[in-house]
PDB file of N, CA and C in Angstrom:
ATOM      1  N   UNK A   1      99.988  90.908 136.324  1.00  0.00           N
ATOM      2  CA  UNK A   1      98.854  91.259 135.472  1.00  0.00           C
ATOM      3  C   UNK A   1      99.035  92.706 135.033  1.00  0.00           C
ATOM      4  N   UNK A   2      98.876  92.933 133.757  1.00  0.00           N
ATOM      5  CA  UNK A   2      98.902  94.284 133.197  1.00  0.00           C
ATOM      6  C   UNK A   2      97.482  94.609 132.768  1.00  0.00           C
ATOM      7  N   UNK A   3      97.034  95.800 133.115  1.00  0.00           N
ATOM      8  CA  UNK A   3      95.687  96.236 132.732  1.00  0.00           C
ATOM      9  C   UNK A   3      95.804  97.323 131.676  1.00  0.00           C
ATOM     10  N   UNK A   4      94.954  97.242 130.668  1.00  0.00           N
ATOM     11  CA  UNK A   4      94.893  98.258 129.621  1.00  0.00           C
ATOM     12  C   UNK A   4      93.430  98.587 129.361  1.00  0.00           C
ATOM     13  N   UNK A   5      93.191  99.730 128.780  1.00  0.00           N
ATOM     14  CA  UNK A   5      91.816 100.163 128.532  1.00  0.00           C
ATOM     15  C   UNK A   5      91.157  99.311 127.459  1.00  0.00           C
ATOM     16  N   UNK A   6      91.843  99.151 126.321  1.00  0.00           N
ATOM     17  CA  UNK A   6      91.230  98.452 125.205  1.00  0.00           C
ATOM     18  C   UNK A   6      92.307  97.841 124.318  1.00  0.00           C
ATOM     19  N   UNK A   7      91.950  96.822 123.564  1.00  0.00           N
ATOM     20  CA  UNK A   7      92.900  96.144 122.684  1.00  0.00           C
ATOM     21  C   UNK A   7      93.442  97.103 121.625  1.00  0.00           C
ATOM     22  N   UNK A   8      92.639  98.042 121.149  1.00  0.00           N
ATOM     23  CA  UNK A   8      93.107  98.941 120.101  1.00  0.00           C
ATOM     24  C   UNK A   8      94.084  99.988 120.618  1.00  0.00           C
ATOM     25  N   UNK A   9      94.261 100.097 121.927  1.00  0.00           N
ATOM     26  CA  UNK A   9      95.240 101.016 122.507  1.00  0.00           C
ATOM     27  C   UNK A   9      96.615 100.362 122.612  1.00  0.00           C
ATOM     28  N   UNK A  10      96.690  99.064 122.383  1.00  0.00           N
ATOM     29  CA  UNK A  10      97.949  98.339 122.546  1.00  0.00           C
ATOM     30  C   UNK A  10      98.769  98.245 121.261  1.00  0.00           C
ATOM     31  N   UNK A  11      98.129  98.156 120.118  1.00  0.00           N
ATOM     32  CA  UNK A  11      98.862  97.987 118.875  1.00  0.00           C
ATOM     33  C   UNK A  11      97.960  98.156 117.676  1.00  0.00           C
ATOM     34  N   UNK A  12      98.579  98.187 116.511  1.00  0.00           N
ATOM     35  CA  UNK A  12      97.825  98.452 115.285  1.00  0.00           C
ATOM     36  C   UNK A  12      97.675  97.246 114.377  1.00  0.00           C
ATOM     37  N   UNK A  13      98.410  96.180 114.665  1.00  0.00           N
ATOM     38  CA  UNK A  13      98.284  95.014 113.784  1.00  0.00           C
ATOM     39  C   UNK A  13      98.128  93.753 114.621  1.00  0.00           C
ATOM     40  N   UNK A  14      97.517  92.779 114.034  1.00  0.00           N
ATOM     41  CA  UNK A  14      97.299  91.500 114.695  1.00  0.00           C
ATOM     42  C   UNK A  14      98.635  90.867 115.080  1.00  0.00           C
ATOM     43  N   UNK A  15      99.605  90.908 114.184  1.00  0.00           N
ATOM     44  CA  UNK A  15     100.907  90.307 114.461  1.00  0.00           C
ATOM     45  C   UNK A  15     101.563  90.974 115.673  1.00  0.00           C
ATOM     46  N   UNK A  16     101.482  92.295 115.744  1.00  0.00           N
ATOM     47  CA  UNK A  16     102.081  93.004 116.870  1.00  0.00           C
ATOM     48  C   UNK A  16     101.382  92.633 118.175  1.00  0.00           C
ATOM     49  N   UNK A  17     100.065  92.587 118.163  1.00  0.00           N
ATOM     50  CA  UNK A  17      99.316  92.285 119.380  1.00  0.00           C
ATOM     51  C   UNK A  17      99.566  90.862 119.869  1.00  0.00           C
ATOM     52  N   UNK A  18      99.589  89.922 118.947  1.00  0.00           N
ATOM     53  CA  UNK A  18      99.840  88.525 119.332  1.00  0.00           C
ATOM     54  C   UNK A  18     101.273  88.388 119.849  1.00  0.00           C
ATOM     55  N   UNK A  19     102.212  89.051 119.190  1.00  0.00           N
ATOM     56  CA  UNK A  19     103.598  89.042 119.661  1.00  0.00           C
ATOM     57  C   UNK A  19     103.722  89.654 121.050  1.00  0.00           C
ATOM     58  N   UNK A  20     102.989  90.735 121.282  1.00  0.00           N
ATOM     59  CA  UNK A  20     102.986  91.389 122.592  1.00  0.00           C
ATOM     60  C   UNK A  20     102.455  90.438 123.665  1.00  0.00           C
ATOM     61  N   UNK A  21     101.362  89.770 123.347  1.00  0.00           N
ATOM     62  CA  UNK A  21     100.787  88.814 124.299  1.00  0.00           C
ATOM     63  C   UNK A  21     101.765  87.673 124.572  1.00  0.00           C
ATOM     64  N   UNK A  22     102.441  87.188 123.539  1.00  0.00           N
ATOM     65  CA  UNK A  22     103.427  86.111 123.720  1.00  0.00           C
ATOM     66  C   UNK A  22     104.591  86.568 124.600  1.00  0.00           C
ATOM     67  N   UNK A  23     105.026  87.809 124.410  1.00  0.00           N
ATOM     68  CA  UNK A  23     106.103  88.348 125.255  1.00  0.00           C
ATOM     69  C   UNK A  23     105.665  88.412 126.711  1.00  0.00           C
ATOM     70  N   UNK A  24     104.434  88.856 126.930  1.00  0.00           N
ATOM     71  CA  UNK A  24     103.913  88.918 128.294  1.00  0.00           C
ATOM     72  C   UNK A  24     103.866  87.529 128.915  1.00  0.00           C
ATOM     73  N   UNK A  25     103.386  86.561 128.151  1.00  0.00           N
ATOM     74  CA  UNK A  25     103.274  85.192 128.663  1.00  0.00           C
ATOM     75  C   UNK A  25     104.663  84.627 128.990  1.00  0.00           C
ATOM     76  N   UNK A  26     105.664  84.953 128.161  1.00  0.00           N
ATOM     77  CA  UNK A  26     107.027  84.487 128.411  1.00  0.00           C
ATOM     78  C   UNK A  26     107.581  85.073 129.709  1.00  0.00           C
ATOM     79  N   UNK A  27     107.107  86.252 130.075  1.00  0.00           N
ATOM     80  CA  UNK A  27     107.536  86.893 131.318  1.00  0.00           C
ATOM     81  C   UNK A  27     106.687  86.472 132.510  1.00  0.00           C
ATOM     82  N   UNK A  28     105.730  85.579 132.240  1.00  0.00           N
ATOM     83  CA  UNK A  28     104.847  85.111 133.317  1.00  0.00           C
ATOM     84  C   UNK A  28     103.811  86.153 133.699  1.00  0.00           C
ATOM     85  N   UNK A  29     103.447  86.972 132.742  1.00  0.00           N
ATOM     86  CA  UNK A  29     102.504  88.064 132.999  1.00  0.00           C
ATOM     87  C   UNK A  29     101.266  87.872 132.117  1.00  0.00           C
ATOM     88  N   UNK A  30     100.121  88.276 132.625  1.00  0.00           N
ATOM     89  CA  UNK A  30      98.883  88.206 131.850  1.00  0.00           C
ATOM     90  C   UNK A  30      98.342  89.609 131.624  1.00  0.00           C
ATOM     91  N   UNK A  31      97.285  89.683 130.842  1.00  0.00           N
ATOM     92  CA  UNK A  31      96.727  90.957 130.422  1.00  0.00           C
ATOM     93  C   UNK A  31      95.245  91.004 130.724  1.00  0.00           C
ATOM     94  N   UNK A  32      94.788  92.153 131.177  1.00  0.00           N
ATOM     95  CA  UNK A  32      93.353  92.377 131.374  1.00  0.00           C
ATOM     96  C   UNK A  32      92.973  93.620 130.585  1.00  0.00           C
ATOM     97  N   UNK A  33      91.960  93.489 129.728  1.00  0.00           N
ATOM     98  CA  UNK A  33      91.461  94.608 128.932  1.00  0.00           C
ATOM     99  C   UNK A  33      90.112  95.043 129.501  1.00  0.00           C
ATOM    100  N   UNK A  34      90.089  96.233 130.027  1.00  0.00           N
ATOM    101  CA  UNK A  34      88.917  96.717 130.759  1.00  0.00           C
ATOM    102  C   UNK A  34      87.676  96.839 129.877  1.00  0.00           C
ATOM    103  N   UNK A  35      87.805  97.519 128.755  1.00  0.00           N
ATOM    104  CA  UNK A  35      86.624  97.793 127.924  1.00  0.00           C
ATOM    105  C   UNK A  35      85.969  96.520 127.407  1.00  0.00           C
ATOM    106  N   UNK A  36      86.783  95.515 127.067  1.00  0.00           N
ATOM    107  CA  UNK A  36      86.225  94.263 126.556  1.00  0.00           C
ATOM    108  C   UNK A  36      86.075  93.208 127.646  1.00  0.00           C
ATOM    109  N   UNK A  37      86.533  93.500 128.847  1.00  0.00           N
ATOM    110  CA  UNK A  37      86.494  92.554 129.978  1.00  0.00           C
ATOM    111  C   UNK A  37      87.156  91.227 129.598  1.00  0.00           C
ATOM    112  N   UNK A  38      88.349  91.328 129.005  1.00  0.00           N
ATOM    113  CA  UNK A  38      89.094  90.147 128.584  1.00  0.00           C
ATOM    114  C   UNK A  38      90.243  89.919 129.559  1.00  0.00           C
ATOM    115  N   UNK A  39      90.316  88.704 130.053  1.00  0.00           N
ATOM    116  CA  UNK A  39      91.366  88.302 130.980  1.00  0.00           C
ATOM    117  C   UNK A  39      92.126  87.156 130.336  1.00  0.00           C
ATOM    118  N   UNK A  40      93.407  87.378 130.008  1.00  0.00           N
ATOM    119  CA  UNK A  40      94.159  86.370 129.258  1.00  0.00           C
ATOM    120  C   UNK A  40      94.724  85.252 130.126  1.00  0.00           C
ATOM    121  N   UNK A  41      94.285  85.155 131.371  1.00  0.00           N
ATOM    122  CA  UNK A  41      94.717  84.023 132.197  1.00  0.00           C
ATOM    123  C   UNK A  41      93.986  82.741 131.809  1.00  0.00           C
ATOM    124  N   UNK A  42      92.898  82.880 131.063  1.00  0.00           N
ATOM    125  CA  UNK A  42      92.106  81.715 130.655  1.00  0.00           C
ATOM    126  C   UNK A  42      92.238  81.486 129.150  1.00  0.00           C
ATOM    127  N   UNK A  43      92.044  80.264 128.677  1.00  0.00           N
ATOM    128  CA  UNK A  43      92.094  80.003 127.240  1.00  0.00           C
ATOM    129  C   UNK A  43      91.034  80.801 126.468  1.00  0.00           C
ATOM    130  N   UNK A  44      89.850  80.920 127.055  1.00  0.00           N
ATOM    131  CA  UNK A  44      88.805  81.685 126.361  1.00  0.00           C
ATOM    132  C   UNK A  44      89.172  83.167 126.310  1.00  0.00           C
ATOM    133  N   UNK A  45      89.840  83.669 127.323  1.00  0.00           N
ATOM    134  CA  UNK A  45      90.287  85.061 127.327  1.00  0.00           C
ATOM    135  C   UNK A  45      91.327  85.316 126.251  1.00  0.00           C
ATOM    136  N   UNK A  46      92.266  84.372 126.072  1.00  0.00           N
ATOM    137  CA  UNK A  46      93.275  84.509 125.028  1.00  0.00           C
ATOM    138  C   UNK A  46      92.634  84.446 123.643  1.00  0.00           C
ATOM    139  N   UNK A  47      91.650  83.570 123.461  1.00  0.00           N
ATOM    140  CA  UNK A  47      90.951  83.474 122.174  1.00  0.00           C
ATOM    141  C   UNK A  47      90.205  84.769 121.873  1.00  0.00           C
ATOM    142  N   UNK A  48      89.532  85.317 122.883  1.00  0.00           N
ATOM    143  CA  UNK A  48      88.809  86.581 122.693  1.00  0.00           C
ATOM    144  C   UNK A  48      89.778  87.715 122.371  1.00  0.00           C
ATOM    145  N   UNK A  49      90.942  87.708 123.027  1.00  0.00           N
ATOM    146  CA  UNK A  49      91.954  88.731 122.749  1.00  0.00           C
ATOM    147  C   UNK A  49      92.362  88.674 121.281  1.00  0.00           C
ATOM    148  N   UNK A  50      92.596  87.482 120.766  1.00  0.00           N
ATOM    149  CA  UNK A  50      93.009  87.349 119.374  1.00  0.00           C
ATOM    150  C   UNK A  50      91.902  87.764 118.418  1.00  0.00           C
ATOM    151  N   UNK A  51      90.652  87.440 118.761  1.00  0.00           N
ATOM    152  CA  UNK A  51      89.539  87.861 117.908  1.00  0.00           C
ATOM    153  C   UNK A  51      89.400  89.386 117.918  1.00  0.00           C
ATOM    154  N   UNK A  52      89.531  89.983 119.082  1.00  0.00           N
ATOM    155  CA  UNK A  52      89.463  91.452 119.176  1.00  0.00           C
ATOM    156  C   UNK A  52      90.615  92.092 118.419  1.00  0.00           C
ATOM    157  N   UNK A  53      91.781  91.433 118.432  1.00  0.00           N
ATOM    158  CA  UNK A  53      92.939  91.945 117.711  1.00  0.00           C
ATOM    159  C   UNK A  53      92.662  92.001 116.209  1.00  0.00           C
ATOM    160  N   UNK A  54      92.008  90.962 115.697  1.00  0.00           N
ATOM    161  CA  UNK A  54      91.658  90.929 114.277  1.00  0.00           C
ATOM    162  C   UNK A  54      90.748  92.101 113.938  1.00  0.00           C
ATOM    163  N   UNK A  55      89.747  92.342 114.764  1.00  0.00           N
ATOM    164  CA  UNK A  55      88.814  93.428 114.486  1.00  0.00           C
ATOM    165  C   UNK A  55      89.465  94.799 114.685  1.00  0.00           C
ATOM    166  N   UNK A  56      90.400  94.917 115.624  1.00  0.00           N
ATOM    167  CA  UNK A  56      91.106  96.182 115.821  1.00  0.00           C
ATOM    168  C   UNK A  56      91.955  96.504 114.591  1.00  0.00           C
ATOM    169  N   UNK A  57      92.624  95.489 114.043  1.00  0.00           N
ATOM    170  CA  UNK A  57      93.420  95.705 112.836  1.00  0.00           C
ATOM    171  C   UNK A  57      92.519  96.074 111.660  1.00  0.00           C
ATOM    172  N   UNK A  58      91.383  95.407 111.528  1.00  0.00           N
ATOM    173  CA  UNK A  58      90.431  95.710 110.462  1.00  0.00           C
ATOM    174  C   UNK A  58      89.935  97.151 110.585  1.00  0.00           C
ATOM    175  N   UNK A  59      89.589  97.561 111.795  1.00  0.00           N
ATOM    176  CA  UNK A  59      89.109  98.928 112.016  1.00  0.00           C
ATOM    177  C   UNK A  59      90.184  99.944 111.651  1.00  0.00           C
ATOM    178  N   UNK A  60      91.421  99.683 112.028  1.00  0.00           N
ATOM    179  CA  UNK A  60      92.523 100.585 111.715  1.00  0.00           C
ATOM    180  C   UNK A  60      92.697 100.725 110.211  1.00  0.00           C
ATOM    181  N   UNK A  61      92.613  99.618 109.489  1.00  0.00           N
ATOM    182  CA  UNK A  61      92.754  99.651 108.033  1.00  0.00           C
ATOM    183  C   UNK A  61      91.603 100.416 107.381  1.00  0.00           C
ATOM    184  N   UNK A  62      90.397 100.268 107.918  1.00  0.00           N
ATOM    185  CA  UNK A  62      89.241 101.001 107.379  1.00  0.00           C
ATOM    186  C   UNK A  62      89.414 102.502 107.586  1.00  0.00           C
ATOM    187  N   UNK A  63      89.909 102.898 108.746  1.00  0.00           N
ATOM    188  CA  UNK A  63      90.152 104.320 109.017  1.00  0.00           C
ATOM    189  C   UNK A  63      91.189 104.859 108.042  1.00  0.00           C
ATOM    190  N   UNK A  64      92.278 104.112 107.848  1.00  0.00           N
ATOM    191  CA  UNK A  64      93.319 104.553 106.915  1.00  0.00           C
ATOM    192  C   UNK A  64      92.756 104.718 105.504  1.00  0.00           C
ATOM    193  N   UNK A  65      91.938 103.761 105.095  1.00  0.00           N
ATOM    194  CA  UNK A  65      91.355 103.815 103.760  1.00  0.00           C
ATOM    195  C   UNK A  65      90.458 105.040 103.591  1.00  0.00           C
ATOM    196  N   UNK A  66      89.640 105.329 104.610  1.00  0.00           N
ATOM    197  CA  UNK A  66      88.757 106.495 104.532  1.00  0.00           C
ATOM    198  C   UNK A  66      89.536 107.809 104.519  1.00  0.00           C
ATOM    199  N   UNK A  67      90.587 107.885 105.316  1.00  0.00           N
ATOM    200  CA  UNK A  67      91.405 109.103 105.338  1.00  0.00           C
ATOM    201  C   UNK A  67      92.053 109.319 103.978  1.00  0.00           C
ATOM    202  N   UNK A  68      92.644 108.274 103.432  1.00  0.00           N
ATOM    203  CA  UNK A  68      93.281 108.401 102.121  1.00  0.00           C
ATOM    204  C   UNK A  68      92.274 108.737 101.032  1.00  0.00           C
ATOM    205  N   UNK A  69      91.076 108.195 101.137  1.00  0.00           N
ATOM    206  CA  UNK A  69      90.032 108.511 100.155  1.00  0.00           C
ATOM    207  C   UNK A  69      89.625 109.979 100.254  1.00  0.00           C
ATOM    208  N   UNK A  70      89.665 110.547 101.437  1.00  0.00           N
ATOM    209  CA  UNK A  70      89.341 111.962 101.604  1.00  0.00           C
ATOM    210  C   UNK A  70      90.461 112.881 101.172  1.00  0.00           C
ATOM    211  N   UNK A  71      91.708 112.432 101.334  1.00  0.00           N
ATOM    212  CA  UNK A  71      92.852 113.266 100.956  1.00  0.00           C
ATOM    213  C   UNK A  71      93.067 113.320  99.443  1.00  0.00           C
ATOM    214  N   UNK A  72      92.727 112.265  98.749  1.00  0.00           N
ATOM    215  CA  UNK A  72      92.961 112.209  97.302  1.00  0.00           C
ATOM    216  C   UNK A  72      92.272 113.358  96.557  1.00  0.00           C
ATOM    217  N   UNK A  73      90.972 113.624  96.782  1.00  0.00           N
ATOM    218  CA  UNK A  73      90.346 114.747  96.079  1.00  0.00           C
ATOM    219  C   UNK A  73      90.959 116.097  96.467  1.00  0.00           C
ATOM    220  N   UNK A  74      91.370 116.228  97.703  1.00  0.00           N
ATOM    221  CA  UNK A  74      91.988 117.481  98.146  1.00  0.00           C
ATOM    222  C   UNK A  74      93.305 117.713  97.400  1.00  0.00           C
ATOM    223  N   UNK A  75      94.082 116.649  97.233  1.00  0.00           N
ATOM    224  CA  UNK A  75      95.343 116.774  96.492  1.00  0.00           C
ATOM    225  C   UNK A  75      95.089 117.126  95.034  1.00  0.00           C
ATOM    226  N   UNK A  76      94.060 116.506  94.430  1.00  0.00           N
ATOM    227  CA  UNK A  76      93.729 116.777  93.032  1.00  0.00           C
ATOM    228  C   UNK A  76      93.310 118.222  92.829  1.00  0.00           C
ATOM    229  N   UNK A  77      92.667 118.809  93.848  1.00  0.00           N
ATOM    230  CA  UNK A  77      92.245 120.208  93.759  1.00  0.00           C
ATOM    231  C   UNK A  77      93.389 121.170  94.051  1.00  0.00           C
ATOM    232  N   UNK A  78      94.542 120.629  94.447  1.00  0.00           N
ATOM    233  CA  UNK A  78      95.695 121.467  94.719  1.00  0.00           C
ATOM    234  C   UNK A  78      95.744 122.027  96.133  1.00  0.00           C
ATOM    235  N   UNK A  79      94.913 121.492  97.016  1.00  0.00           N
ATOM    236  CA  UNK A  79      94.916 121.939  98.401  1.00  0.00           C
ATOM    237  C   UNK A  79      96.241 121.569  99.047  1.00  0.00           C
ATOM    238  N   UNK A  80      96.839 122.540  99.732  1.00  0.00           N
ATOM    239  CA  UNK A  80      98.095 122.272 100.415  1.00  0.00           C
ATOM    240  C   UNK A  80      97.785 121.580 101.732  1.00  0.00           C
ATOM    241  N   UNK A  81      98.369 120.401 101.922  1.00  0.00           N
ATOM    242  CA  UNK A  81      98.119 119.615 103.117  1.00  0.00           C
ATOM    243  C   UNK A  81      99.272 119.770 104.104  1.00  0.00           C
ATOM    244  N   UNK A  82      98.993 119.506 105.352  1.00  0.00           N
ATOM    245  CA  UNK A  82     100.024 119.556 106.377  1.00  0.00           C
ATOM    246  C   UNK A  82      99.932 120.822 107.212  1.00  0.00           C
ATOM    247  N   UNK A  83     100.946 121.022 108.017  1.00  0.00           N
ATOM    248  CA  UNK A  83     100.967 122.182 108.905  1.00  0.00           C
ATOM    249  C   UNK A  83     101.261 123.449 108.116  1.00  0.00           C
ATOM    250  N   UNK A  84     100.708 124.547 108.595  1.00  0.00           N
ATOM    251  CA  UNK A  84     101.007 125.830 107.984  1.00  0.00           C
ATOM    252  C   UNK A  84     102.452 126.200 108.309  1.00  0.00           C
ATOM    253  N   UNK A  85     103.160 126.766 107.334  1.00  0.00           N
ATOM    254  CA  UNK A  85     104.548 127.148 107.618  1.00  0.00           C
ATOM    255  C   UNK A  85     104.587 128.334 108.581  1.00  0.00           C
ATOM    256  N   UNK A  86     105.655 128.390 109.348  1.00  0.00           N
ATOM    257  CA  UNK A  86     105.854 129.494 110.276  1.00  0.00           C
ATOM    258  C   UNK A  86     106.508 130.631 109.507  1.00  0.00           C
ATOM    259  N   UNK A  87     106.031 131.849 109.712  1.00  0.00           N
ATOM    260  CA  UNK A  87     106.585 133.009 109.006  1.00  0.00           C
ATOM    261  C   UNK A  87     108.040 133.206 109.422  1.00  0.00           C
ATOM    262  N   UNK A  88     108.871 133.637 108.477  1.00  0.00           N
ATOM    263  CA  UNK A  88     110.294 133.833 108.784  1.00  0.00           C
ATOM    264  C   UNK A  88     110.537 134.775 109.967  1.00  0.00           C
ATOM    265  N   UNK A  89     109.720 135.808 110.105  1.00  0.00           N
ATOM    266  CA  UNK A  89     109.899 136.755 111.220  1.00  0.00           C
ATOM    267  C   UNK A  89     109.655 136.059 112.560  1.00  0.00           C
ATOM    268  N   UNK A  90     108.645 135.184 112.601  1.00  0.00           N
ATOM    269  CA  UNK A  90     108.343 134.444 113.828  1.00  0.00           C
ATOM    270  C   UNK A  90     109.461 133.452 114.124  1.00  0.00           C
ATOM    271  N   UNK A  91     109.963 132.795 113.072  1.00  0.00           N
ATOM    272  CA  UNK A  91     111.074 131.859 113.254  1.00  0.00           C
ATOM    273  C   UNK A  91     112.268 132.567 113.878  1.00  0.00           C
ATOM    274  N   UNK A  92     112.576 133.743 113.363  1.00  0.00           N
ATOM    275  CA  UNK A  92     113.723 134.503 113.875  1.00  0.00           C
ATOM    276  C   UNK A  92     113.514 134.877 115.337  1.00  0.00           C
ATOM    277  N   UNK A  93     112.288 135.275 115.696  1.00  0.00           N
ATOM    278  CA  UNK A  93     112.013 135.642 117.090  1.00  0.00           C
ATOM    279  C   UNK A  93     112.104 134.426 118.009  1.00  0.00           C
ATOM    280  N   UNK A  94     111.617 133.266 117.529  1.00  0.00           N
ATOM    281  CA  UNK A  94     111.712 132.030 118.322  1.00  0.00           C
ATOM    282  C   UNK A  94     113.169 131.719 118.617  1.00  0.00           C
ATOM    283  N   UNK A  95     113.991 131.766 117.577  1.00  0.00           N
ATOM    284  CA  UNK A  95     115.414 131.444 117.744  1.00  0.00           C
ATOM    285  C   UNK A  95     116.114 132.463 118.640  1.00  0.00           C
ATOM    286  N   UNK A  96     115.755 133.727 118.507  1.00  0.00           N
ATOM    287  CA  UNK A  96     116.374 134.763 119.337  1.00  0.00           C
ATOM    288  C   UNK A  96     116.017 134.557 120.809  1.00  0.00           C
ATOM    289  N   UNK A  97     114.745 134.276 121.074  1.00  0.00           N
ATOM    290  CA  UNK A  97     114.325 134.056 122.459  1.00  0.00           C
ATOM    291  C   UNK A  97     114.968 132.807 123.043  1.00  0.00           C
ATOM    292  N   UNK A  98     115.110 131.786 122.223  1.00  0.00           N
ATOM    293  CA  UNK A  98     115.731 130.548 122.705  1.00  0.00           C
ATOM    294  C   UNK A  98     117.212 130.778 123.019  1.00  0.00           C
ATOM    295  N   UNK A  99     117.871 131.584 122.175  1.00  0.00           N
ATOM    296  CA  UNK A  99     119.280 131.897 122.412  1.00  0.00           C
ATOM    297  C   UNK A  99     119.460 132.663 123.721  1.00  0.00           C
ATOM    298  N   UNK A 100     118.456 133.459 124.071  1.00  0.00           N
ATOM    299  CA  UNK A 100     118.508 134.206 125.332  1.00  0.00           C
ATOM    300  C   UNK A 100     118.218 133.304 126.531  1.00  0.00           C
ATOM    301  N   UNK A 101     117.867 132.039 126.274  1.00  0.00           N
ATOM    302  CA  UNK A 101     117.652 131.089 127.360  1.00  0.00           C
ATOM    303  C   UNK A 101     116.202 130.906 127.767  1.00  0.00           C
ATOM    304  N   UNK A 102     115.270 131.465 127.011  1.00  0.00           N
ATOM    305  CA  UNK A 102     113.857 131.321 127.351  1.00  0.00           C
ATOM    306  C   UNK A 102     113.398 129.897 127.040  1.00  0.00           C
ATOM    307  N   UNK A 103     112.533 129.357 127.872  1.00  0.00           N
ATOM    308  CA  UNK A 103     112.011 128.010 127.689  1.00  0.00           C
ATOM    309  C   UNK A 103     111.009 127.911 126.549  1.00  0.00           C
ATOM    310  N   UNK A 104     110.804 126.701 126.098  1.00  0.00           N
ATOM    311  CA  UNK A 104     109.926 126.449 124.951  1.00  0.00           C
ATOM    312  C   UNK A 104     108.487 126.869 125.237  1.00  0.00           C
ATOM    313  N   UNK A 105     107.978 126.514 126.406  1.00  0.00           N
ATOM    314  CA  UNK A 105     106.607 126.902 126.763  1.00  0.00           C
ATOM    315  C   UNK A 105     106.447 128.414 126.782  1.00  0.00           C
ATOM    316  N   UNK A 106     107.415 129.084 127.387  1.00  0.00           N
ATOM    317  CA  UNK A 106     107.358 130.543 127.507  1.00  0.00           C
ATOM    318  C   UNK A 106     107.436 131.202 126.133  1.00  0.00           C
ATOM    319  N   UNK A 107     108.266 130.679 125.260  1.00  0.00           N
ATOM    320  CA  UNK A 107     108.374 131.221 123.898  1.00  0.00           C
ATOM    321  C   UNK A 107     107.031 131.105 123.189  1.00  0.00           C
ATOM    322  N   UNK A 108     106.410 129.923 123.287  1.00  0.00           N
ATOM    323  CA  UNK A 108     105.114 129.704 122.637  1.00  0.00           C
ATOM    324  C   UNK A 108     104.063 130.676 123.132  1.00  0.00           C
ATOM    325  N   UNK A 109     104.009 130.894 124.444  1.00  0.00           N
ATOM    326  CA  UNK A 109     103.020 131.811 125.012  1.00  0.00           C
ATOM    327  C   UNK A 109     103.329 133.261 124.642  1.00  0.00           C
ATOM    328  N   UNK A 110     104.599 133.626 124.693  1.00  0.00           N
ATOM    329  CA  UNK A 110     105.004 135.001 124.393  1.00  0.00           C
ATOM    330  C   UNK A 110     104.669 135.381 122.957  1.00  0.00           C
ATOM    331  N   UNK A 111     104.946 134.469 122.033  1.00  0.00           N
ATOM    332  CA  UNK A 111     104.726 134.769 120.616  1.00  0.00           C
ATOM    333  C   UNK A 111     103.341 134.365 120.129  1.00  0.00           C
ATOM    334  N   UNK A 112     102.615 133.622 120.953  1.00  0.00           N
ATOM    335  CA  UNK A 112     101.268 133.199 120.566  1.00  0.00           C
ATOM    336  C   UNK A 112     101.248 132.273 119.371  1.00  0.00           C
ATOM    337  N   UNK A 113     102.235 131.368 119.296  1.00  0.00           N
ATOM    338  CA  UNK A 113     102.298 130.456 118.151  1.00  0.00           C
ATOM    339  C   UNK A 113     101.362 129.267 118.286  1.00  0.00           C
ATOM    340  N   UNK A 114     100.721 129.111 119.416  1.00  0.00           N
ATOM    341  CA  UNK A 114      99.712 128.071 119.557  1.00  0.00           C
ATOM    342  C   UNK A 114     100.163 126.828 120.285  1.00  0.00           C
ATOM    343  N   UNK A 115     101.310 126.289 119.916  1.00  0.00           N
ATOM    344  CA  UNK A 115     101.719 125.053 120.577  1.00  0.00           C
ATOM    345  C   UNK A 115     103.231 124.998 120.705  1.00  0.00           C
ATOM    346  N   UNK A 116     103.672 124.198 121.647  1.00  0.00           N
ATOM    347  CA  UNK A 116     105.109 124.040 121.840  1.00  0.00           C
ATOM    348  C   UNK A 116     105.735 123.243 120.701  1.00  0.00           C
ATOM    349  N   UNK A 117     104.938 122.415 120.028  1.00  0.00           N
ATOM    350  CA  UNK A 117     105.507 121.623 118.929  1.00  0.00           C
ATOM    351  C   UNK A 117     105.989 122.537 117.800  1.00  0.00           C
ATOM    352  N   UNK A 118     105.318 123.665 117.590  1.00  0.00           N
ATOM    353  CA  UNK A 118     105.757 124.621 116.581  1.00  0.00           C
ATOM    354  C   UNK A 118     107.126 125.176 116.949  1.00  0.00           C
ATOM    355  N   UNK A 119     107.272 125.555 118.210  1.00  0.00           N
ATOM    356  CA  UNK A 119     108.539 126.095 118.705  1.00  0.00           C
ATOM    357  C   UNK A 119     109.636 125.027 118.585  1.00  0.00           C
ATOM    358  N   UNK A 120     109.337 123.816 119.003  1.00  0.00           N
ATOM    359  CA  UNK A 120     110.315 122.725 118.935  1.00  0.00           C
ATOM    360  C   UNK A 120     110.734 122.445 117.485  1.00  0.00           C
ATOM    361  N   UNK A 121     109.783 122.483 116.582  1.00  0.00           N
ATOM    362  CA  UNK A 121     110.080 122.222 115.157  1.00  0.00           C
ATOM    363  C   UNK A 121     111.023 123.278 114.596  1.00  0.00           C
ATOM    364  N   UNK A 122     110.780 124.549 114.943  1.00  0.00           N
ATOM    365  CA  UNK A 122     111.637 125.639 114.452  1.00  0.00           C
ATOM    366  C   UNK A 122     113.044 125.505 115.020  1.00  0.00           C
ATOM    367  N   UNK A 123     113.133 125.206 116.321  1.00  0.00           N
ATOM    368  CA  UNK A 123     114.449 125.067 116.955  1.00  0.00           C
ATOM    369  C   UNK A 123     115.209 123.881 116.364  1.00  0.00           C
ATOM    370  N   UNK A 124     114.529 122.787 116.136  1.00  0.00           N
ATOM    371  CA  UNK A 124     115.180 121.585 115.584  1.00  0.00           C
ATOM    372  C   UNK A 124     115.673 121.823 114.160  1.00  0.00           C
ATOM    373  N   UNK A 125     114.935 122.623 113.390  1.00  0.00           N
ATOM    374  CA  UNK A 125     115.299 122.869 111.998  1.00  0.00           C
ATOM    375  C   UNK A 125     116.470 123.840 111.895  1.00  0.00           C
ATOM    376  N   UNK A 126     116.711 124.597 112.956  1.00  0.00           N
ATOM    377  CA  UNK A 126     117.784 125.610 112.901  1.00  0.00           C
ATOM    378  C   UNK A 126     119.156 125.002 113.002  1.00  0.00           C
TER     379      UNK A 126
END
C-alpha cells in the first residue's frame, strides 16, 4: 500500500493518474489518499480515484487558464516577466568564489543573492 496526501499531488492529468494506478496494480500494490480517504483496494475506491482524477485535471487546467489570462495584459503593457537578471559584477564574484572552492550555500549567503538557485544558474551558464 502506498499512501499519498491527495490525488492532485500525484499527477497533473487524468491519463497520467490512471496509468499510475494501473502500474501500481500490476505490481500488486494499492493506493490510499489521505485527504480524500480513498482506498483503491475496493472497486468503489478505484472509481472515486478516477473521479477525483478528473476534477484534479480540471482544476489544473483552470489554474493554467487564469495564470495565462493574467500574464497576457502584463505582456501587452511591456512588463518584463521572469527572474531578474544577475548583475555582471555579482556573476563574476560568484564564479570567482566557486573557483576558490566555496560551496553554493556559502556563496549565496556571502553575496546575499537570496537563493542557491541563483548561484547554481550562474555557475551552470558559465
